[in-house]
């Protein structure tokens, strides 16, 4: 995740320095929102897998 943030920051700085500050801000906001949505979907997917894996385990003998 840190590498994604580093690369994204590098590209956003290039866009901003090349002109079009308002467009850059708008594009950056959209990009960050999409990234957050993807992270949330992956988080939910992993939670579902963990829940399914836990539900499939046999109960320990008491």
C-alpha atoms as a PDB file:
ATOM      1  CA  UNK A   1       0.000   0.000   0.000  1.00  0.00           C
ATOM      2  CA  UNK A   2       2.867   2.359   0.767  1.00  0.00           C
ATOM      3  CA  UNK A   3       4.256   1.836  -2.738  1.00  0.00           C
ATOM      4  CA  UNK A   4       0.846   2.646  -4.260  1.00  0.00           C
ATOM      5  CA  UNK A   5       0.687   5.894  -2.296  1.00  0.00           C
ATOM      6  CA  UNK A   6       4.244   6.813  -3.322  1.00  0.00           C
ATOM      7  CA  UNK A   7       3.609   6.192  -7.017  1.00  0.00           C
ATOM      8  CA  UNK A   8       0.246   7.966  -6.931  1.00  0.00           C
ATOM      9  CA  UNK A   9       1.799  10.962  -5.178  1.00  0.00           C
ATOM     10  CA  UNK A  10       4.565  11.142  -7.790  1.00  0.00           C
ATOM     11  CA  UNK A  11       2.060  11.170 -10.666  1.00  0.00           C
ATOM     12  CA  UNK A  12      -0.200  13.703  -8.971  1.00  0.00           C
ATOM     13  CA  UNK A  13       2.746  16.060  -8.433  1.00  0.00           C
ATOM     14  CA  UNK A  14       3.653  15.779 -12.123  1.00  0.00           C
ATOM     15  CA  UNK A  15       0.097  16.646 -13.132  1.00  0.00           C
ATOM     16  CA  UNK A  16       0.012  19.631 -10.797  1.00  0.00           C
ATOM     17  CA  UNK A  17       3.391  20.979 -11.903  1.00  0.00           C
ATOM     18  CA  UNK A  18       2.465  20.685 -15.580  1.00  0.00           C
ATOM     19  CA  UNK A  19      -0.402  23.179 -15.111  1.00  0.00           C
ATOM     20  CA  UNK A  20      -4.161  22.910 -14.657  1.00  0.00           C
ATOM     21  CA  UNK A  21      -4.251  23.010 -10.848  1.00  0.00           C
ATOM     22  CA  UNK A  22      -8.051  22.841 -10.543  1.00  0.00           C
ATOM     23  CA  UNK A  23      -8.309  19.965 -12.993  1.00  0.00           C
ATOM     24  CA  UNK A  24      -5.481  18.217 -11.172  1.00  0.00           C
ATOM     25  CA  UNK A  25      -7.279  18.598  -7.843  1.00  0.00           C
ATOM     26  CA  UNK A  26     -10.511  17.246  -9.334  1.00  0.00           C
ATOM     27  CA  UNK A  27      -8.730  14.298 -10.949  1.00  0.00           C
ATOM     28  CA  UNK A  28      -6.791  13.600  -7.748  1.00  0.00           C
ATOM     29  CA  UNK A  29      -9.939  13.563  -5.650  1.00  0.00           C
ATOM     30  CA  UNK A  30     -11.621  11.140  -8.049  1.00  0.00           C
ATOM     31  CA  UNK A  31      -8.568   8.894  -8.082  1.00  0.00           C
ATOM     32  CA  UNK A  32      -8.342   8.801  -4.291  1.00  0.00           C
ATOM     33  CA  UNK A  33     -12.054   8.026  -3.966  1.00  0.00           C
ATOM     34  CA  UNK A  34     -11.680   5.119  -6.392  1.00  0.00           C
ATOM     35  CA  UNK A  35      -8.667   3.810  -4.450  1.00  0.00           C
ATOM     36  CA  UNK A  36     -10.596   3.986  -1.181  1.00  0.00           C
ATOM     37  CA  UNK A  37     -13.510   2.104  -2.743  1.00  0.00           C
ATOM     38  CA  UNK A  38     -11.181  -0.608  -4.028  1.00  0.00           C
ATOM     39  CA  UNK A  39      -9.541  -0.974  -0.614  1.00  0.00           C
ATOM     40  CA  UNK A  40     -12.980  -1.246   0.998  1.00  0.00           C
ATOM     41  CA  UNK A  41     -14.039  -3.935  -1.492  1.00  0.00           C
ATOM     42  CA  UNK A  42     -10.858  -5.933  -0.886  1.00  0.00           C
ATOM     43  CA  UNK A  43     -11.344  -5.589   2.864  1.00  0.00           C
ATOM     44  CA  UNK A  44     -14.922  -6.879   2.581  1.00  0.00           C
ATOM     45  CA  UNK A  45     -13.820  -9.733   0.301  1.00  0.00           C
ATOM     46  CA  UNK A  46     -11.163 -10.848   2.789  1.00  0.00           C
ATOM     47  CA  UNK A  47     -13.629 -10.614   5.668  1.00  0.00           C
ATOM     48  CA  UNK A  48     -16.053 -12.829   3.733  1.00  0.00           C
ATOM     49  CA  UNK A  49     -13.311 -15.381   3.041  1.00  0.00           C
ATOM     50  CA  UNK A  50     -12.262 -15.425   6.690  1.00  0.00           C
ATOM     51  CA  UNK A  51     -15.861 -15.879   7.790  1.00  0.00           C
ATOM     52  CA  UNK A  52     -16.372 -18.726   5.291  1.00  0.00           C
ATOM     53  CA  UNK A  53     -13.107 -20.405   6.306  1.00  0.00           C
ATOM     54  CA  UNK A  54     -13.984 -20.119   9.989  1.00  0.00           C
ATOM     55  CA  UNK A  55     -17.492 -21.502   9.389  1.00  0.00           C
ATOM     56  CA  UNK A  56     -16.020 -24.530   7.587  1.00  0.00           C
ATOM     57  CA  UNK A  57     -13.751 -25.562  10.443  1.00  0.00           C
ATOM     58  CA  UNK A  58     -14.787 -28.520  12.550  1.00  0.00           C
ATOM     59  CA  UNK A  59     -15.554 -27.733  16.162  1.00  0.00           C
ATOM     60  CA  UNK A  60     -12.829 -28.582  18.656  1.00  0.00           C
ATOM     61  CA  UNK A  61     -13.595 -31.440  21.015  1.00  0.00           C
ATOM     62  CA  UNK A  62     -14.268 -30.267  24.547  1.00  0.00           C
END
